[in-house]
C-alpha cells in the first residue's frame, strides 16, 4: 500500500494522548467529541495508532479474529508489542501472562487458572475477606478518621491476592506500595529511584516464592502456574513470572481504584448512600456494575492488527497498533442513557470494564466480591463518613489505571470488634494453611459423613 493510500485510509486524525493530565481532566469532553465525530480515529502520538472510542466499534474490534494481544519481546514470531502503547522505553523482556498471549496458548494457560477464580472458588474466600476488612477498619474505627485508600482499599485486595497465590500474608507490605506506585509514578519523577528499589524487592520476593513452591508445592495460583503448560510443553520460568506479575497487577490496583472512587461518589451523594445501604438487597449488584461502568478502573488495552482487514467500516493493515478504550465505550449514549451520570439502579448494564472476548478479565468474580464486602462494611460501620476533598489525591493520569492515591475521611467513631491487623493476619495464615483454602475448587471434595 502506498504512502498516499495509507494517509487517506488513516482518517480522521484525532490528537489523542491518554497519558496526559489533560485527558483525565477533559475525559467527558474528549469522549463526546470522538463518539460524535470519529468513533475510530488515527492519532500520530506514540508512533501512530488507531483509537476506538465508540461502543459498537470497540465491541467489533475486540471480538474480531484479526486483532492480536501477542507480545513477542524476543522477536521470534511477528515482533508484536502486546497491550502497552507506547512500548516502555526500556522494553519488557517478558509477556504479561495470558493478557499478552493469543489462543491456543492463552486458552491453555487460562484453563489452568479457572478453577481458582470461578464463582464457587471465590465464595470460600468471603470469610477471610471479611476478617481482613474488619481488622483494617478496627485499626481506625475509634479515631473517627481513615484514609480509605491507605487504610482499607490498598490492604484488602493485596492480602487476598497473596492468599490466593500461596504467598505468606504478612508479605503484603512488600507488594503493596510498589504495585500502586509503579502505575502512578511518572518516568521523570524524583521518586523513581525509590519506586524502582521497591519493585526490585517485590520482584525478588515473587521469584523466591515461585522457585520455592515449584520445588516444594503448596496450594495456590503460583503452584497452578508452575505446573501449567504452553503448547503442551512445561511453562518457562519467564512466562510463569509474567503471569504471576499480571495476577498481582490485576488483583491490587484495579479493585483499590474502584473502591476509592465509589466511596468518594457516595460521600458526595449522601442521599444515594443512605438509599443504597437501606436497599442493599435490591441495589448492591446494580450499583456495583454502575460503579464499574462509570469509573472503569482499567481504561483500555492495546492490540496489534494481525491481518489486513475491514472492521467497523475501517480498513486496517497488518502490524498497525490499536487502542481499545473500555472507558469511552462505557460512556456511549447509543448504549447507555445519560452515560455521564451515575444511576445506581441502571438495568441492562453491559459495560466493558472487564474487557471483551477471550481476554476478558479472569479475576472479575474476585474483584466484585472484594469490592462489595468492603463497601458493605463501610456502610455498616461508618454510615456517616465524609471524604475530605482537600486531602484527596487522584492519579495525575488515567492512561493505565484510573486510580487514587489518598482518600481521607471522617466519621462518627465506633467500637473495635476484634484483633488488630497484624494479629488477624497471623490467625488467617494458620487458617489458610490448615484448611488449604488456596486449593483449586475442583480439588475440594465434600467430607463424607460417618
Protein backbone atom coordinates (compact mmCIF):
# COMPACT_ATOMS: atom_id res chain seq x y z
CA UNK A 1 0.00 0.00 0.00
CA UNK A 2 1.44 3.39 -0.98
CA UNK A 3 2.13 6.18 1.48
CA UNK A 4 -0.64 8.26 -0.12
CA UNK A 5 -3.17 5.46 0.27
CA UNK A 6 -2.14 4.93 3.87
CA UNK A 7 -2.56 8.62 4.60
CA UNK A 8 -6.01 8.60 3.06
CA UNK A 9 -7.01 5.44 4.92
CA UNK A 10 -5.87 6.80 8.28
CA UNK A 11 -8.63 9.33 8.60
CA UNK A 12 -9.95 11.07 10.52
CA UNK A 13 -6.90 12.13 12.52
CA UNK A 14 -7.53 12.99 16.16
CA UNK A 15 -4.84 14.06 18.62
CA UNK A 16 -5.20 11.51 21.41
CA UNK A 17 -2.82 11.13 24.34
CA UNK A 18 -4.35 9.28 27.27
CA UNK A 19 -1.16 9.63 29.33
CA UNK A 20 -1.58 13.37 29.90
CA UNK A 21 -3.38 15.08 32.81
CA UNK A 22 -5.45 16.85 30.13
CA UNK A 23 -7.09 13.57 29.14
CA UNK A 24 -8.11 12.85 32.74
CA UNK A 25 -9.40 16.39 33.26
CA UNK A 26 -11.26 16.55 29.91
CA UNK A 27 -12.30 12.90 29.67
CA UNK A 28 -16.01 13.60 29.20
CA UNK A 29 -15.49 16.28 26.55
CA UNK A 30 -12.95 14.18 24.60
CA UNK A 31 -15.20 11.13 24.79
CA UNK A 32 -18.22 13.07 23.49
CA UNK A 33 -16.18 14.62 20.68
CA UNK A 34 -14.79 11.31 19.48
CA UNK A 35 -18.10 9.47 19.68
CA UNK A 36 -19.87 12.27 17.80
CA UNK A 37 -17.34 12.68 15.01
CA UNK A 38 -14.75 9.87 14.96
CA UNK A 39 -15.56 6.71 16.99
CA UNK A 40 -12.50 5.21 15.30
CA UNK A 41 -9.66 7.63 14.61
CA UNK A 42 -5.95 7.69 13.86
CA UNK A 43 -3.61 9.53 16.20
CA UNK A 44 0.02 10.38 15.48
CA UNK A 45 1.07 10.03 19.12
CA UNK A 46 3.47 7.24 20.14
CA UNK A 47 4.46 6.36 16.61
CA UNK A 48 0.88 6.42 15.36
CA UNK A 49 -2.00 4.12 16.26
CA UNK A 50 -5.75 3.71 15.95
CA UNK A 51 -8.13 4.62 18.80
CA UNK A 52 -11.59 3.08 19.15
CA UNK A 53 -13.96 5.12 21.33
CA UNK A 54 -17.43 4.03 20.22
CA UNK A 55 -19.19 1.16 21.97
CA UNK A 56 -20.11 -0.76 18.80
CA UNK A 57 -16.66 -0.18 17.29
CA UNK A 58 -14.86 -1.39 20.42
CA UNK A 59 -17.11 -4.44 20.57
CA UNK A 60 -16.43 -5.46 16.97
CA UNK A 61 -12.68 -4.88 17.14
CA UNK A 62 -12.25 -6.66 20.49
CA UNK A 63 -14.03 -9.78 19.27
CA UNK A 64 -12.80 -9.99 15.69
CA UNK A 65 -10.15 -12.60 14.80
CA UNK A 66 -7.79 -10.04 13.28
CA UNK A 67 -6.65 -8.28 16.45
CA UNK A 68 -3.79 -9.76 18.47
CA UNK A 69 -2.68 -9.38 22.09
CA UNK A 70 0.60 -11.13 21.37
CA UNK A 71 3.79 -9.77 22.88
CA UNK A 72 6.96 -11.05 21.26
CA UNK A 73 9.84 -9.36 23.11
CA UNK A 74 12.48 -11.62 21.55
CA UNK A 75 11.21 -11.05 18.02
CA UNK A 76 10.92 -14.77 17.40
CA UNK A 77 7.47 -14.65 15.76
CA UNK A 78 5.90 -11.47 14.43
CA UNK A 79 7.54 -8.93 16.72
CA UNK A 80 4.22 -7.70 18.11
CA UNK A 81 4.34 -5.42 21.16
CA UNK A 82 1.47 -6.63 23.33
CA UNK A 83 -1.11 -4.44 25.02
CA UNK A 84 1.02 -1.42 26.02
CA UNK A 85 1.01 1.76 23.95
CA UNK A 86 3.60 3.19 23.87
CA UNK A 87 6.08 0.37 24.33
CA UNK A 88 8.05 1.09 27.54
CA UNK A 89 11.34 2.87 26.83
CA UNK A 90 13.40 0.08 28.38
CA UNK A 91 11.16 -2.55 26.89
CA UNK A 92 9.62 -5.50 28.68
CA UNK A 93 11.57 -8.74 28.49
CA UNK A 94 8.60 -10.94 29.29
CA UNK A 95 4.98 -11.30 28.34
CA UNK A 96 2.29 -10.15 30.73
CA UNK A 97 0.72 -13.57 31.13
CA UNK A 98 -2.49 -14.50 29.33
CA UNK A 99 -3.19 -10.85 28.60
CA UNK A 100 -0.31 -10.85 26.11
CA UNK A 101 -0.91 -14.28 24.62
CA UNK A 102 -3.23 -15.36 21.83
CA UNK A 103 -5.03 -18.69 21.60
CA UNK A 104 -4.18 -21.53 21.79
CA UNK A 105 -1.50 -20.57 24.37
CA UNK A 106 -3.85 -18.15 26.12
CA UNK A 107 -6.64 -20.72 26.24
CA UNK A 108 -4.38 -23.40 27.67
CA UNK A 109 -2.97 -21.28 30.49
CA UNK A 110 -6.31 -19.68 31.33
CA UNK A 111 -7.89 -23.13 31.70
CA UNK A 112 -5.29 -23.97 34.37
CA UNK A 113 -6.32 -20.90 36.40
CA UNK A 114 -10.10 -21.03 36.00
CA UNK A 115 -10.74 -23.45 38.94
CA UNK A 116 -9.11 -20.94 41.30
CA UNK A 117 -11.19 -17.97 40.18
CA UNK A 118 -14.64 -19.38 39.42
CA UNK A 119 -17.70 -18.10 41.34
CA UNK A 120 -17.61 -21.20 43.54
CA UNK A 121 -13.91 -20.74 44.30
CA UNK A 122 -14.39 -17.08 45.18
CA UNK A 123 -17.23 -17.82 47.62
CA UNK A 124 -14.96 -19.63 50.04
CA UNK A 125 -12.75 -16.53 50.39
CA UNK A 126 -15.59 -14.35 51.74
CA UNK A 127 -14.98 -15.13 55.46
CA UNK A 128 -11.28 -14.35 55.09
CA UNK A 129 -12.04 -11.13 53.20
CA UNK A 130 -14.48 -10.07 55.91
CA UNK A 131 -11.87 -10.63 58.62
CA UNK A 132 -9.23 -8.57 56.83
CA UNK A 133 -11.79 -5.80 56.28
CA UNK A 134 -12.92 -5.96 59.92
CA UNK A 135 -9.36 -5.76 61.22
CA UNK A 136 -8.43 -2.90 58.86
CA UNK A 137 -11.43 -0.86 59.96
CA UNK A 138 -10.81 -1.73 63.63
CA UNK A 139 -7.40 -0.07 63.33
CA UNK A 140 -9.15 3.27 62.67
CA UNK A 141 -12.71 2.97 63.99
CA UNK A 142 -12.06 4.55 67.39
CA UNK A 143 -10.29 7.58 65.92
CA UNK A 144 -13.08 8.71 63.60
CA UNK A 145 -10.55 9.16 60.81
CA UNK A 146 -9.44 6.89 57.98
CA UNK A 147 -7.75 7.08 54.60
CA UNK A 148 -9.92 4.75 52.55
CA UNK A 149 -7.00 4.07 50.18
CA UNK A 150 -4.10 3.57 52.58
CA UNK A 151 -6.04 2.01 55.44
CA UNK A 152 -8.56 -0.20 53.62
CA UNK A 153 -8.72 -0.40 49.82
CA UNK A 154 -4.98 -0.99 49.44
CA UNK A 155 -4.79 -3.61 52.17
CA UNK A 156 -7.67 -5.97 51.48
CA UNK A 157 -7.03 -6.76 47.78
CA UNK A 158 -3.32 -7.17 48.50
CA UNK A 159 -3.83 -9.69 51.32
CA UNK A 160 -6.48 -11.65 49.40
CA UNK A 161 -4.35 -11.80 46.25
CA UNK A 162 -1.33 -13.12 48.15
CA UNK A 163 -3.52 -15.66 49.95
CA UNK A 164 -4.83 -16.99 46.64
CA UNK A 165 -1.32 -17.15 45.24
CA UNK A 166 0.13 -19.02 48.21
CA UNK A 167 2.44 -16.23 49.38
CA UNK A 168 2.69 -15.55 53.16
CA UNK A 169 0.08 -12.95 54.12
CA UNK A 170 2.44 -10.75 56.13
CA UNK A 171 4.42 -10.14 52.94
CA UNK A 172 1.64 -7.83 51.71
CA UNK A 173 3.67 -4.76 52.69
CA UNK A 174 6.43 -5.82 50.28
CA UNK A 175 3.96 -5.79 47.39
CA UNK A 176 1.50 -3.08 48.33
CA UNK A 177 3.28 0.20 47.66
CA UNK A 178 5.26 -0.76 44.52
CA UNK A 179 2.19 -2.34 42.93
CA UNK A 180 0.47 1.05 43.07
CA UNK A 181 3.46 3.40 42.80
CA UNK A 182 4.72 1.77 39.60
CA UNK A 183 1.45 2.89 37.97
CA UNK A 184 1.18 6.46 39.25
CA UNK A 185 4.87 7.47 39.27
CA UNK A 186 5.87 9.20 36.00
CA UNK A 187 9.25 8.44 34.39
CA UNK A 188 10.66 11.88 35.29
CA UNK A 189 9.66 11.72 38.96
CA UNK A 190 12.43 12.26 41.55
CA UNK A 191 10.83 9.35 43.42
CA UNK A 192 11.58 6.94 40.59
CA UNK A 193 14.71 5.53 42.20
CA UNK A 194 12.89 4.59 45.38
CA UNK A 195 9.99 3.08 43.44
CA UNK A 196 12.47 1.08 41.37
CA UNK A 197 14.09 -0.31 44.51
CA UNK A 198 10.69 -1.34 45.88
CA UNK A 199 9.84 -3.02 42.58
CA UNK A 200 13.08 -4.97 42.74
CA UNK A 201 12.29 -6.12 46.28
CA UNK A 202 8.80 -7.17 45.20
CA UNK A 203 10.14 -8.99 42.16
CA UNK A 204 12.73 -10.81 44.23
CA UNK A 205 10.12 -11.93 46.76
CA UNK A 206 7.85 -13.14 43.96
CA UNK A 207 10.69 -15.06 42.31
CA UNK A 208 11.73 -16.56 45.66
CA UNK A 209 8.20 -17.78 46.36
CA UNK A 210 7.81 -19.11 42.84
CA UNK A 211 11.03 -21.13 42.97
CA UNK A 212 10.25 -22.38 46.47
CA UNK A 213 6.75 -23.54 45.51
CA UNK A 214 8.00 -25.04 42.27
CA UNK A 215 10.38 -27.17 44.33
CA UNK A 216 8.01 -27.84 47.26
CA UNK A 217 4.40 -27.36 46.07
CA UNK A 218 1.77 -25.72 48.25
CA UNK A 219 -1.77 -24.73 47.20
CA UNK A 220 -2.34 -21.54 45.26
CA UNK A 221 -2.09 -19.79 41.93
CA UNK A 222 1.71 -19.96 41.96
CA UNK A 223 1.51 -23.73 42.06
CA UNK A 224 -1.08 -23.71 39.26
CA UNK A 225 1.14 -21.55 37.05
CA UNK A 226 4.31 -23.53 37.86
CA UNK A 227 2.62 -26.79 36.81
CA UNK A 228 0.93 -25.40 33.69
CA UNK A 229 1.88 -25.93 30.07
CA UNK A 230 2.03 -23.84 26.91
CA UNK A 231 1.58 -25.66 23.62
CA UNK A 232 1.88 -28.89 25.59
CA UNK A 233 5.31 -28.03 26.99
CA UNK A 234 6.10 -27.00 30.60
CA UNK A 235 5.78 -23.24 31.00
CA UNK A 236 9.08 -21.33 31.06
CA UNK A 237 10.08 -19.51 34.22
CA UNK A 238 9.92 -16.21 32.31
CA UNK A 239 6.33 -16.79 31.18
CA UNK A 240 5.38 -18.01 34.65
CA UNK A 241 6.72 -14.86 36.32
CA UNK A 242 4.93 -12.75 33.71
CA UNK A 243 1.64 -14.46 34.57
CA UNK A 244 2.16 -14.00 38.30
CA UNK A 245 3.03 -10.33 37.82
CA UNK A 246 -0.23 -9.94 35.89
CA UNK A 247 -2.17 -11.50 38.78
CA UNK A 248 -0.61 -9.00 41.19
CA UNK A 249 -1.26 -6.04 38.90
CA UNK A 250 -4.84 -7.10 38.24
CA UNK A 251 -5.58 -8.06 41.82
CA UNK A 252 -4.26 -4.95 43.54
CA UNK A 253 -4.71 -1.56 41.91
CA UNK A 254 -7.93 -2.05 39.96
CA UNK A 255 -10.06 -3.04 42.97
CA UNK A 256 -8.46 -0.28 45.03
CA UNK A 257 -9.35 2.26 42.34
CA UNK A 258 -12.96 1.10 42.05
CA UNK A 259 -13.49 1.15 45.81
CA UNK A 260 -11.96 4.59 46.33
CA UNK A 261 -13.90 6.27 43.54
CA UNK A 262 -17.17 4.68 44.64
CA UNK A 263 -16.73 5.80 48.26
CA UNK A 264 -15.83 9.30 47.12
CA UNK A 265 -19.01 9.46 45.00
CA UNK A 266 -21.17 8.14 47.84
CA UNK A 267 -19.72 10.77 50.17
CA UNK A 268 -20.70 13.44 47.65
CA UNK A 269 -24.22 11.96 47.35
CA UNK A 270 -25.28 11.08 50.92
CA UNK A 271 -28.91 10.53 49.91
CA UNK A 272 -27.82 7.85 47.45
CA UNK A 273 -25.51 6.36 50.07
CA UNK A 274 -28.41 6.03 52.51
CA UNK A 275 -30.64 4.57 49.82
CA UNK A 276 -28.01 2.01 48.81
CA UNK A 277 -27.44 1.00 52.42
CA UNK A 278 -31.13 0.65 53.10
CA UNK A 279 -31.98 -1.18 49.86
CA UNK A 280 -28.76 -3.16 49.53
CA UNK A 281 -30.50 -6.47 48.85
CA UNK A 282 -32.09 -4.94 45.77
CA UNK A 283 -29.43 -2.43 44.70
CA UNK A 284 -25.98 -3.77 45.56
CA UNK A 285 -25.49 -5.72 42.33
CA UNK A 286 -26.71 -2.95 40.04
CA UNK A 287 -24.72 -0.32 41.96
CA UNK A 288 -21.57 -2.41 41.63
CA UNK A 289 -21.99 -2.70 37.87
CA UNK A 290 -22.71 1.02 37.58
CA UNK A 291 -19.61 1.97 39.54
CA UNK A 292 -17.62 -0.37 37.30
CA UNK A 293 -19.09 1.24 34.17
CA UNK A 294 -18.70 4.82 35.27
CA UNK A 295 -15.24 4.64 36.83
CA UNK A 296 -13.73 1.89 34.58
CA UNK A 297 -10.60 1.17 36.69
CA UNK A 298 -8.53 -0.16 33.73
CA UNK A 299 -9.49 2.27 30.92
CA UNK A 300 -8.33 0.24 27.93
CA UNK A 301 -5.91 -2.13 26.23
CA UNK A 302 -3.72 -2.14 23.16
CA UNK A 303 -3.88 -4.59 20.28
CA UNK A 304 -1.98 -5.26 17.06
CA UNK A 305 -3.76 -5.77 13.74
CA UNK A 306 -2.77 -9.32 12.77
CA UNK A 307 -4.14 -9.35 9.21
CA UNK A 308 -5.27 -6.82 6.63
CA UNK A 309 -8.98 -6.43 7.26
CA UNK A 310 -12.03 -4.20 7.25
CA UNK A 311 -13.87 -3.93 10.57
CA UNK A 312 -16.50 -1.45 11.74
CA UNK A 313 -16.22 0.45 8.47
CA UNK A 314 -12.44 0.98 8.61
CA UNK A 315 -9.61 -0.66 6.70
CA UNK A 316 -6.68 -1.82 8.82
CA UNK A 317 -3.27 -3.17 7.80
CA UNK A 318 -1.31 -5.94 9.49
CA UNK A 319 1.10 -4.58 12.10
CA UNK A 320 -0.81 -1.39 12.88
CA UNK A 321 -1.41 -0.65 16.54
CA UNK A 322 -4.85 -0.13 18.07
CA UNK A 323 -6.12 1.20 21.39
CA UNK A 324 -9.49 -0.11 22.61
CA UNK A 325 -11.00 2.30 25.13
CA UNK A 326 -13.25 0.40 27.51
CA UNK A 327 -13.78 3.64 29.44
CA UNK A 328 -15.03 5.65 26.47
CA UNK A 329 -17.15 2.76 25.17
CA UNK A 330 -18.80 2.70 28.61
CA UNK A 331 -19.99 6.29 28.08
CA UNK A 332 -21.56 5.86 24.64
CA UNK A 333 -25.06 7.43 24.57
CA UNK A 334 -26.08 4.99 21.83
CA UNK A 335 -25.99 2.27 24.50
CA UNK A 336 -26.29 4.00 27.89
CA UNK A 337 -28.98 6.56 28.77
CA UNK A 338 -27.39 9.63 30.39
CA UNK A 339 -23.98 7.94 30.22
CA UNK A 340 -22.15 10.65 32.19
CA UNK A 341 -24.39 10.23 35.23
CA UNK A 342 -24.25 7.52 37.90
CA UNK A 343 -27.52 5.60 38.13
CA UNK A 344 -27.28 3.03 40.91
CA UNK A 345 -30.37 1.21 39.61
CA UNK A 346 -29.31 1.09 35.96
CA UNK A 347 -30.57 -2.03 34.20
CA UNK A 348 -29.10 -3.89 31.24
CA UNK A 349 -25.68 -2.51 32.14
CA UNK A 350 -23.47 -4.28 29.61
CA UNK A 351 -20.28 -2.39 30.36
CA UNK A 352 -16.82 -3.38 29.11
CA UNK A 353 -14.86 -2.71 32.30
CA UNK A 354 -13.56 -6.28 32.41
CA UNK A 355 -12.79 -6.31 28.70
CA UNK A 356 -14.37 -8.43 25.99
CA UNK A 357 -13.90 -11.76 24.28
CA UNK A 358 -11.33 -14.40 25.17
CA UNK A 359 -9.22 -11.87 27.07
CA UNK A 360 -12.00 -10.80 29.43
CA UNK A 361 -10.62 -10.35 32.96
CA UNK A 362 -10.23 -13.75 34.63
CA UNK A 363 -10.41 -12.16 38.10
CA UNK A 364 -13.78 -10.40 37.67
CA UNK A 365 -15.56 -12.64 40.20
CA UNK A 366 -12.97 -11.90 42.86
CA UNK A 367 -12.96 -8.18 42.13
CA UNK A 368 -16.72 -7.91 42.53
CA UNK A 369 -16.71 -9.89 45.77
CA UNK A 370 -13.92 -7.93 47.44
CA UNK A 371 -15.42 -4.60 46.38
CA UNK A 372 -18.89 -5.49 47.70
CA UNK A 373 -17.58 -6.73 51.05
CA UNK A 374 -15.54 -3.55 51.60
CA UNK A 375 -18.44 -1.32 50.57
CA UNK A 376 -20.92 -3.05 52.87
CA UNK A 377 -18.54 -2.90 55.83
CA UNK A 378 -18.06 0.85 55.38
CA UNK A 379 -21.80 1.43 55.07
CA UNK A 380 -22.40 -0.56 58.26
CA UNK A 381 -19.60 0.74 60.44
CA UNK A 382 -19.07 4.29 59.10
CA UNK A 383 -22.52 5.23 57.78
CA UNK A 384 -21.97 8.99 58.05
CA UNK A 385 -18.47 9.12 56.52
CA UNK A 386 -17.42 12.31 54.77
CA UNK A 387 -14.42 12.38 52.46
CA UNK A 388 -12.02 15.30 52.66
CA UNK A 389 -11.84 16.88 49.21
CA UNK A 390 -8.71 18.88 50.02
CA UNK A 391 -6.79 15.80 51.10
CA UNK A 392 -7.98 13.60 48.25
CA UNK A 393 -5.33 12.79 45.66
CA UNK A 394 -6.24 11.21 42.32
CA UNK A 395 -3.67 9.78 39.94
CA UNK A 396 -2.37 12.53 37.69
CA UNK A 397 -3.15 10.47 34.61
CA UNK A 398 -5.56 7.62 33.83
CA UNK A 399 -3.67 6.05 30.95
CA UNK A 400 -3.06 2.79 32.85
CA UNK A 401 -5.36 2.83 35.90
CA UNK A 402 -7.99 5.38 36.90
CA UNK A 403 -6.76 5.33 40.46
CA UNK A 404 -6.47 7.33 43.65
CA UNK A 405 -3.51 7.79 46.00
CA UNK A 406 -5.32 9.16 49.03
CA UNK A 407 -8.94 9.45 50.17
CA UNK A 408 -9.06 10.73 53.78
CA UNK A 409 -12.43 10.72 55.53
CA UNK A 410 -14.01 11.43 58.91
CA UNK A 411 -16.91 9.67 60.60
CA UNK A 412 -18.53 9.17 63.99
CA UNK A 413 -16.12 6.97 66.00
CA UNK A 414 -17.18 3.43 66.81
CA UNK A 415 -16.01 0.40 68.74
CA UNK A 416 -13.48 -2.21 67.76
CA UNK A 417 -14.84 -5.67 67.10
CA UNK A 418 -11.69 -7.76 67.38
CA UNK A 419 -7.95 -8.06 67.00
CA UNK A 420 -5.78 -5.67 65.00
CA UNK A 421 -4.49 -6.32 61.51
CA UNK A 422 -1.16 -7.95 62.35
CA UNK A 423 -2.67 -10.38 64.85
CA UNK A 424 -5.53 -11.15 62.46
CA UNK A 425 -3.16 -11.97 59.61
CA UNK A 426 -1.33 -14.48 61.80
CA UNK A 427 -4.62 -16.24 62.55
CA UNK A 428 -5.72 -16.12 58.91
CA UNK A 429 -2.40 -17.56 57.73
CA UNK A 430 -2.95 -20.51 60.02
CA UNK A 431 -6.47 -20.91 58.60
CA UNK A 432 -5.17 -20.81 55.01
CA UNK A 433 -2.61 -23.47 55.78
CA UNK A 434 -4.83 -25.80 57.79
CA UNK A 435 -7.90 -25.56 55.55
CA UNK A 436 -5.86 -25.42 52.31
CA UNK A 437 -8.04 -22.54 51.18
CA UNK A 438 -5.90 -21.84 48.11
CA UNK A 439 -6.55 -25.23 46.56
CA UNK A 440 -8.49 -25.21 43.28
CA UNK A 441 -12.20 -25.66 43.81
CA UNK A 442 -12.05 -28.87 41.75
CA UNK A 443 -9.72 -30.43 44.33
CA UNK A 444 -12.07 -29.88 47.22
CA UNK A 445 -14.43 -32.74 47.90
CA UNK A 446 -17.32 -32.75 50.38
CA UNK A 447 -16.48 -34.63 53.55
CA UNK A 448 -18.19 -37.99 53.81
CA UNK A 449 -20.50 -38.50 56.73
CA UNK A 450 -19.73 -41.29 59.15
